[in-house]
Amino acid sequence: MMTFEQIMTELKKKQYRPVYFLMGKEPYYADVIVDYIAENVLTESEKTFNQTVLYGKDTTVYAILDASRRFPMMTERQVVIVKEAQNLKEIDKLQSYIEKPLQSTVLVINYKYDTIDKRLKLYKTLDKLKEIAVFESKKLYDNQVPAWINSYLTERGYTVVPAAAALLTEYLGSELSKLANELNKLIITLPVNEKKITLEHIEENIGISKDYNVFELQKALGERNVLKANRIVDYFIRNPKDNPMVVVVSSVFSYFVKILTYHYLSDKSQAAVASALKVNPFFVRDYEATARKYTASNVTQIISILREYDLKSKGVGNSSATQGDLMREMVFKILHLR
């Protein structure tokens, strides 16, 4: 297996391999590689006769083999790109070509959203051939996304405040293509010479409120700030599509699980807490402050409350209360624990 960085380094040096087999649950990196090859291996004039793009659901293995075995016209190489190869039938029949590829062809197979069946002979062939570029991109866990956002922006000469990175992760999820698109939009809209993305930028350009979001709700609950928590809940109720209860409950649940974990840590140094909770060290003080407000017993009760209201929000044990009513009840119970 090769890394994304290794493949891109070779491509930028114009070192091309005869076959690129790209797969995995996270399509972002594979798409970047495919786009780079499509745009840079051949000149615009060479692409007319020497670049072929096929789609898994609309083609066959035999069509791919025919295209790959052709010789380039008036240039030293041709490019054959197979997109959405996960939809290709009889993909195992590519094995014979991959074992002995044509050196004048750059064959790119983008097997998106999944990994090829490891029981297939093709996978075993890919696993042992040194000449072939094989890349697998695994989906990031939510706690890895803020670091990815930081890295993405740093490469482009920008930074982001930790709270803003966390907010983007919570509301946009871990789909890197979606995150990259939103980050690119933010970069474009930043004032000249402004290099740091803040909560204000996110609110102005993406529409996520910097004051009324799930992180602010967590903070209000952690501080036992009744007024602030209820104001946020009122905002959520007025904007249910942006703040569905199932997402709110899930986020608050995750937050208090971390508080419970904190209570039982033997090493409560900033570095140890950040590592154990898988959070940015910037947020450790918030967890420490919340742990002083709620005992471990309190937190266990809160987790039980959250489970109860998660079920009620899905109709279990609830016949008439609205989502808004349930959210208000849930927050009231958390804030008024004894």
Protein backbone atom coordinates (compact mmCIF):
# COMPACT_ATOMS: atom_id res chain seq x y z
CA MET A 1 0.00 0.00 0.00
CA MET A 2 1.11 3.54 -0.71
CA THR A 3 0.15 6.69 1.15
CA PHE A 4 -1.57 9.66 -0.45
CA GLU A 5 1.58 11.74 0.08
CA GLN A 6 3.79 9.15 -1.62
CA ILE A 7 1.53 8.97 -4.66
CA MET A 8 1.22 12.73 -5.00
CA THR A 9 4.98 13.23 -4.60
CA GLU A 10 5.64 10.81 -7.47
CA LEU A 11 2.96 12.35 -9.68
CA LYS A 12 4.35 15.86 -9.19
CA LYS A 13 7.76 14.53 -10.23
CA LYS A 14 6.09 13.04 -13.36
CA GLN A 15 6.87 9.54 -12.14
CA TYR A 16 3.89 7.52 -13.35
CA ARG A 17 2.97 3.94 -12.52
CA PRO A 18 1.12 1.70 -15.00
CA VAL A 19 -1.79 1.04 -12.62
CA TYR A 20 -3.35 3.01 -9.75
CA PHE A 21 -5.92 1.09 -7.73
CA LEU A 22 -7.67 3.50 -5.34
CA MET A 23 -10.21 2.30 -2.80
CA GLY A 24 -11.66 2.91 0.65
CA LYS A 25 -14.56 4.34 2.61
CA GLU A 26 -13.35 7.96 2.33
CA PRO A 27 -13.37 9.03 -1.36
CA TYR A 28 -11.76 12.45 -0.95
CA TYR A 29 -8.10 11.49 -1.39
CA ALA A 30 -8.79 9.08 -4.25
CA ASP A 31 -10.73 11.83 -6.05
CA VAL A 32 -7.81 14.23 -5.61
CA ILE A 33 -5.44 11.66 -7.16
CA VAL A 34 -7.82 10.95 -10.06
CA ASP A 35 -8.31 14.66 -10.76
CA TYR A 36 -4.57 15.32 -10.68
CA ILE A 37 -3.84 12.51 -13.14
CA ALA A 38 -6.70 13.59 -15.42
CA GLU A 39 -5.46 17.18 -15.50
CA ASN A 40 -1.69 16.80 -15.53
CA VAL A 41 -0.37 13.60 -17.11
CA LEU A 42 -1.29 14.61 -20.67
CA THR A 43 -1.42 17.97 -22.38
CA GLU A 44 -4.77 19.25 -23.62
CA SER A 45 -3.97 18.27 -27.20
CA GLU A 46 -2.80 14.78 -26.14
CA LYS A 47 -6.01 14.14 -24.18
CA THR A 48 -8.18 14.16 -27.31
CA PHE A 49 -6.98 10.76 -28.49
CA ASN A 50 -5.18 9.41 -25.45
CA GLN A 51 -7.39 9.96 -22.40
CA THR A 52 -10.38 7.69 -21.81
CA VAL A 53 -12.84 8.00 -18.91
CA LEU A 54 -15.14 5.07 -18.18
CA TYR A 55 -17.76 4.50 -15.47
CA GLY A 56 -18.17 1.19 -13.68
CA LYS A 57 -21.93 0.92 -14.13
CA ASP A 58 -21.75 1.76 -17.86
CA THR A 59 -18.75 -0.30 -18.94
CA THR A 60 -17.31 -3.81 -18.76
CA VAL A 61 -14.00 -5.36 -17.82
CA TYR A 62 -13.47 -6.21 -21.48
CA ALA A 63 -13.93 -2.57 -22.54
CA ILE A 64 -11.38 -1.52 -19.91
CA LEU A 65 -8.92 -4.16 -21.11
CA ASP A 66 -9.35 -3.10 -24.74
CA ALA A 67 -8.77 0.56 -23.86
CA SER A 68 -5.76 -0.22 -21.66
CA ARG A 69 -4.07 -2.42 -24.29
CA ARG A 70 -4.21 0.24 -27.01
CA PHE A 71 -1.02 2.10 -27.80
CA PRO A 72 -0.97 5.90 -27.47
CA MET A 73 -1.22 8.11 -30.56
CA MET A 74 1.60 10.59 -31.14
CA THR A 75 2.69 10.64 -27.49
CA GLU A 76 4.51 8.32 -25.11
CA ARG A 77 1.56 7.34 -22.93
CA GLN A 78 -2.22 7.22 -22.65
CA VAL A 79 -4.49 7.51 -19.60
CA VAL A 80 -7.49 5.29 -18.88
CA ILE A 81 -9.60 6.29 -15.87
CA VAL A 82 -12.32 4.03 -14.48
CA LYS A 83 -14.61 5.94 -12.11
CA GLU A 84 -17.09 4.29 -9.71
CA ALA A 85 -15.35 0.94 -10.23
CA GLN A 86 -17.27 -0.50 -7.28
CA ASN A 87 -20.16 -0.91 -9.76
CA LEU A 88 -18.06 -2.90 -12.20
CA LYS A 89 -19.04 -6.54 -12.69
CA GLU A 90 -16.38 -9.27 -12.86
CA ILE A 91 -13.67 -6.89 -11.66
CA ASP A 92 -11.52 -9.90 -10.75
CA LYS A 93 -10.92 -10.44 -14.47
CA LEU A 94 -8.65 -7.38 -14.50
CA GLN A 95 -6.05 -9.49 -12.73
CA SER A 96 -4.33 -10.78 -15.86
CA TYR A 97 -3.76 -7.24 -17.14
CA ILE A 98 -2.64 -5.87 -13.78
CA GLU A 99 -0.03 -8.64 -13.54
CA LYS A 100 1.44 -7.55 -16.90
CA PRO A 101 0.29 -3.98 -17.59
CA LEU A 102 1.22 -2.02 -20.70
CA GLN A 103 3.93 0.44 -19.67
CA SER A 104 2.62 3.12 -22.03
CA THR A 105 -0.80 3.11 -20.30
CA VAL A 106 -1.67 4.77 -16.99
CA LEU A 107 -4.73 2.84 -15.80
CA VAL A 108 -6.55 4.44 -12.86
CA ILE A 109 -9.25 2.44 -11.08
CA ASN A 110 -11.27 4.41 -8.52
CA TYR A 111 -13.14 1.91 -6.34
CA LYS A 112 -15.18 4.35 -4.25
CA TYR A 113 -16.87 4.07 -0.86
CA ASP A 114 -15.64 0.54 -0.27
CA THR A 115 -12.69 -1.84 -0.29
CA ILE A 116 -12.34 -4.63 -2.82
CA ASP A 117 -13.19 -8.09 -1.47
CA LYS A 118 -9.96 -9.38 0.04
CA ARG A 119 -10.89 -12.95 -0.92
CA LEU A 120 -10.55 -12.13 -4.62
CA LYS A 121 -7.41 -13.12 -6.49
CA LEU A 122 -7.23 -9.54 -7.74
CA TYR A 123 -6.76 -8.22 -4.21
CA LYS A 124 -3.99 -10.72 -3.52
CA THR A 125 -2.31 -9.66 -6.76
CA LEU A 126 -2.57 -5.99 -5.86
CA ASP A 127 -1.15 -6.72 -2.43
CA LYS A 128 2.05 -8.28 -3.75
CA LEU A 129 2.94 -6.25 -6.85
CA LYS A 130 5.47 -3.49 -6.13
CA GLU A 131 4.99 -1.77 -9.49
CA ILE A 132 1.29 -1.06 -8.86
CA ALA A 133 0.14 1.93 -6.78
CA VAL A 134 -2.47 0.65 -4.34
CA PHE A 135 -4.11 3.15 -2.01
CA GLU A 136 -6.79 2.66 0.63
CA SER A 137 -8.41 5.66 2.29
CA LYS A 138 -10.19 5.00 5.58
CA LYS A 139 -12.97 7.22 6.84
CA LEU A 140 -11.86 9.55 9.61
CA TYR A 141 -13.36 9.34 13.07
CA ASP A 142 -15.09 12.52 14.21
CA ASN A 143 -12.32 13.25 16.70
CA GLN A 144 -9.75 13.19 13.87
CA VAL A 145 -11.56 15.74 11.70
CA PRO A 146 -10.51 18.97 13.51
CA ALA A 147 -6.86 18.00 13.02
CA TRP A 148 -7.57 17.35 9.32
CA ILE A 149 -9.20 20.80 9.03
CA ASN A 150 -6.10 22.36 10.61
CA SER A 151 -3.82 20.49 8.24
CA TYR A 152 -5.91 21.38 5.17
CA LEU A 153 -5.85 25.07 6.04
CA THR A 154 -2.17 25.11 7.05
CA GLU A 155 -1.20 23.74 3.62
CA ARG A 156 -2.97 26.74 2.10
CA GLY A 157 -1.48 29.30 4.48
CA TYR A 158 -4.46 29.67 6.82
CA THR A 159 -5.34 28.78 10.42
CA VAL A 160 -8.56 28.19 12.33
CA VAL A 161 -9.48 28.72 15.96
CA PRO A 162 -10.11 25.38 17.75
CA ALA A 163 -13.75 26.19 18.52
CA ALA A 164 -14.40 26.92 14.85
CA ALA A 165 -12.82 23.62 13.76
CA ALA A 166 -14.93 21.74 16.30
CA LEU A 167 -18.09 23.54 15.17
CA LEU A 168 -17.45 22.70 11.52
CA THR A 169 -16.92 19.06 12.44
CA GLU A 170 -20.14 18.86 14.43
CA TYR A 171 -22.34 20.42 11.77
CA LEU A 172 -20.69 19.21 8.58
CA GLY A 173 -19.62 15.75 9.70
CA SER A 174 -16.57 13.78 8.60
CA GLU A 175 -17.13 13.78 4.83
CA LEU A 176 -13.89 15.38 3.68
CA SER A 177 -15.12 16.50 0.26
CA LYS A 178 -17.92 18.46 1.90
CA LEU A 179 -15.55 19.96 4.44
CA ALA A 180 -13.03 20.91 1.75
CA ASN A 181 -15.75 22.66 -0.26
CA GLU A 182 -16.88 24.69 2.75
CA LEU A 183 -13.31 25.55 3.74
CA ASN A 184 -12.57 26.71 0.21
CA LYS A 185 -15.65 28.95 0.34
CA LEU A 186 -14.46 30.41 3.65
CA ILE A 187 -11.00 31.09 2.24
CA ILE A 188 -12.48 32.92 -0.75
CA THR A 189 -14.70 35.11 1.43
CA LEU A 190 -11.99 36.10 3.93
CA PRO A 191 -10.91 39.75 3.81
CA VAL A 192 -7.56 40.48 2.17
CA ASN A 193 -4.65 39.62 4.51
CA GLU A 194 -7.00 37.79 6.91
CA LYS A 195 -5.49 34.35 7.51
CA LYS A 196 -7.42 33.04 10.53
CA ILE A 197 -10.92 31.51 10.33
CA THR A 198 -13.08 32.34 13.33
CA LEU A 199 -16.58 31.55 14.58
CA GLU A 200 -17.74 34.85 13.13
CA HIS A 201 -16.57 33.83 9.66
CA ILE A 202 -18.46 30.55 9.92
CA GLU A 203 -21.66 32.26 11.01
CA GLU A 204 -21.45 34.85 8.22
CA ASN A 205 -20.58 32.47 5.40
CA ILE A 206 -21.93 29.03 6.31
CA GLY A 207 -24.90 30.02 8.43
CA ILE A 208 -24.01 28.17 11.62
CA SER A 209 -24.73 30.44 14.59
CA LYS A 210 -21.68 31.11 16.73
CA ASP A 211 -23.87 31.70 19.81
CA TYR A 212 -26.65 29.15 19.34
CA ASN A 213 -25.10 25.80 18.53
CA VAL A 214 -24.62 22.47 20.24
CA PHE A 215 -21.18 23.43 21.60
CA GLU A 216 -22.62 26.49 23.28
CA LEU A 217 -25.39 24.28 24.70
CA GLN A 218 -22.78 21.88 26.07
CA LYS A 219 -20.92 24.81 27.60
CA ALA A 220 -24.11 26.22 29.15
CA LEU A 221 -25.00 22.82 30.61
CA GLY A 222 -21.44 22.40 31.87
CA GLU A 223 -21.63 25.78 33.61
CA ARG A 224 -25.19 25.03 34.82
CA ASN A 225 -26.15 28.32 33.21
CA VAL A 226 -29.94 28.02 33.14
CA LEU A 227 -30.66 31.23 31.23
CA LYS A 228 -28.15 30.59 28.46
CA ALA A 229 -29.14 26.94 28.07
CA ASN A 230 -32.81 27.80 27.73
CA ARG A 231 -32.11 30.55 25.21
CA ILE A 232 -30.19 28.06 23.08
CA VAL A 233 -32.97 25.47 23.37
CA ASP A 234 -35.53 28.09 22.30
CA TYR A 235 -33.36 28.85 19.26
CA PHE A 236 -33.11 25.13 18.42
CA ILE A 237 -36.88 24.77 18.65
CA ARG A 238 -37.37 27.70 16.26
CA ASN A 239 -34.83 26.17 13.85
CA PRO A 240 -35.54 22.41 14.03
CA LYS A 241 -34.09 21.52 10.62
CA ASP A 242 -30.67 22.89 11.59
CA ASN A 243 -30.79 21.43 15.11
CA PRO A 244 -32.70 18.12 15.11
CA MET A 245 -33.12 16.60 18.54
CA VAL A 246 -31.41 13.34 17.61
CA VAL A 247 -28.23 15.28 16.76
CA VAL A 248 -28.43 17.44 19.89
CA VAL A 249 -28.91 14.42 22.16
CA SER A 250 -26.06 12.54 20.47
CA SER A 251 -23.66 15.48 20.85
CA VAL A 252 -24.55 16.16 24.49
CA PHE A 253 -24.32 12.43 25.24
CA SER A 254 -20.81 12.30 23.78
CA TYR A 255 -19.84 15.35 25.81
CA PHE A 256 -20.95 13.88 29.15
CA VAL A 257 -19.37 10.51 28.40
CA LYS A 258 -16.10 12.44 28.16
CA ILE A 259 -16.85 14.12 31.52
CA LEU A 260 -17.44 10.71 33.10
CA THR A 261 -14.18 9.45 31.61
CA TYR A 262 -12.40 12.51 33.01
CA HIS A 263 -13.62 11.71 36.54
CA TYR A 264 -11.91 8.33 36.45
CA LEU A 265 -8.61 9.40 34.92
CA SER A 266 -5.65 8.89 37.23
CA ASP A 267 -3.53 11.40 35.29
CA LYS A 268 -5.37 14.68 34.89
CA SER A 269 -2.56 16.66 33.27
CA GLN A 270 -3.61 18.60 30.18
CA ALA A 271 -1.76 16.32 27.78
CA ALA A 272 -3.09 13.13 29.40
CA VAL A 273 -6.68 14.41 29.41
CA ALA A 274 -6.50 15.57 25.79
CA SER A 275 -5.15 12.17 24.76
CA ALA A 276 -7.69 10.15 26.76
CA LEU A 277 -10.69 12.22 25.66
CA LYS A 278 -9.37 12.64 22.10
CA VAL A 279 -9.92 16.39 22.19
CA ASN A 280 -7.84 19.45 21.42
CA PRO A 281 -5.86 20.53 24.54
CA PHE A 282 -7.56 23.92 24.10
CA PHE A 283 -10.82 22.38 25.43
CA VAL A 284 -9.39 20.55 28.45
CA ARG A 285 -10.16 23.41 30.85
CA ASP A 286 -13.83 23.26 29.84
CA TYR A 287 -13.99 19.59 30.76
CA GLU A 288 -12.23 20.26 34.06
CA ALA A 289 -14.71 23.03 34.90
CA THR A 290 -17.73 20.85 34.07
CA ALA A 291 -16.36 17.99 36.17
CA ARG A 292 -16.27 20.36 39.16
CA LYS A 293 -19.95 21.16 38.62
CA TYR A 294 -21.10 17.53 38.27
CA THR A 295 -19.95 14.55 40.29
CA ALA A 296 -19.42 11.18 38.61
CA SER A 297 -22.79 10.13 40.05
CA ASN A 298 -24.42 13.23 38.53
CA VAL A 299 -22.93 12.45 35.14
CA THR A 300 -24.19 8.87 35.29
CA GLN A 301 -27.68 10.25 35.94
CA ILE A 302 -27.33 12.66 33.01
CA ILE A 303 -26.34 9.84 30.67
CA SER A 304 -29.44 7.95 31.81
CA ILE A 305 -31.59 11.04 31.12
CA LEU A 306 -30.11 11.43 27.66
CA ARG A 307 -30.82 7.79 26.83
CA GLU A 308 -34.39 8.21 28.02
CA TYR A 309 -35.00 11.26 25.85
CA ASP A 310 -33.26 9.75 22.86
CA LEU A 311 -35.84 6.95 22.96
CA LYS A 312 -38.71 9.37 23.54
CA SER A 313 -37.62 11.49 20.58
CA LYS A 314 -37.94 8.34 18.46
CA GLY A 315 -41.46 7.64 19.76
CA VAL A 316 -40.64 5.08 22.45
CA GLY A 317 -42.73 5.82 25.55
CA ASN A 318 -43.95 9.09 24.07
CA SER A 319 -47.33 9.58 22.45
CA SER A 320 -47.91 13.33 22.47
CA ALA A 321 -44.93 15.48 23.50
CA THR A 322 -43.29 17.47 20.69
CA GLN A 323 -39.54 17.42 20.04
CA GLY A 324 -39.37 20.92 21.49
CA ASP A 325 -41.17 19.85 24.67
CA LEU A 326 -38.84 16.88 25.04
CA MET A 327 -35.74 19.05 24.57
CA ARG A 328 -36.92 21.51 27.22
CA GLU A 329 -37.69 18.69 29.69
CA MET A 330 -34.35 17.03 29.06
CA VAL A 331 -32.35 20.22 29.63
CA PHE A 332 -34.40 21.08 32.75
CA LYS A 333 -33.65 17.69 34.30
CA ILE A 334 -29.93 17.98 33.56
CA LEU A 335 -29.65 21.48 35.00
CA HIS A 336 -31.62 20.69 38.17
CA LEU A 337 -29.93 17.51 39.29
CA ARG A 338 -29.40 17.19 43.01
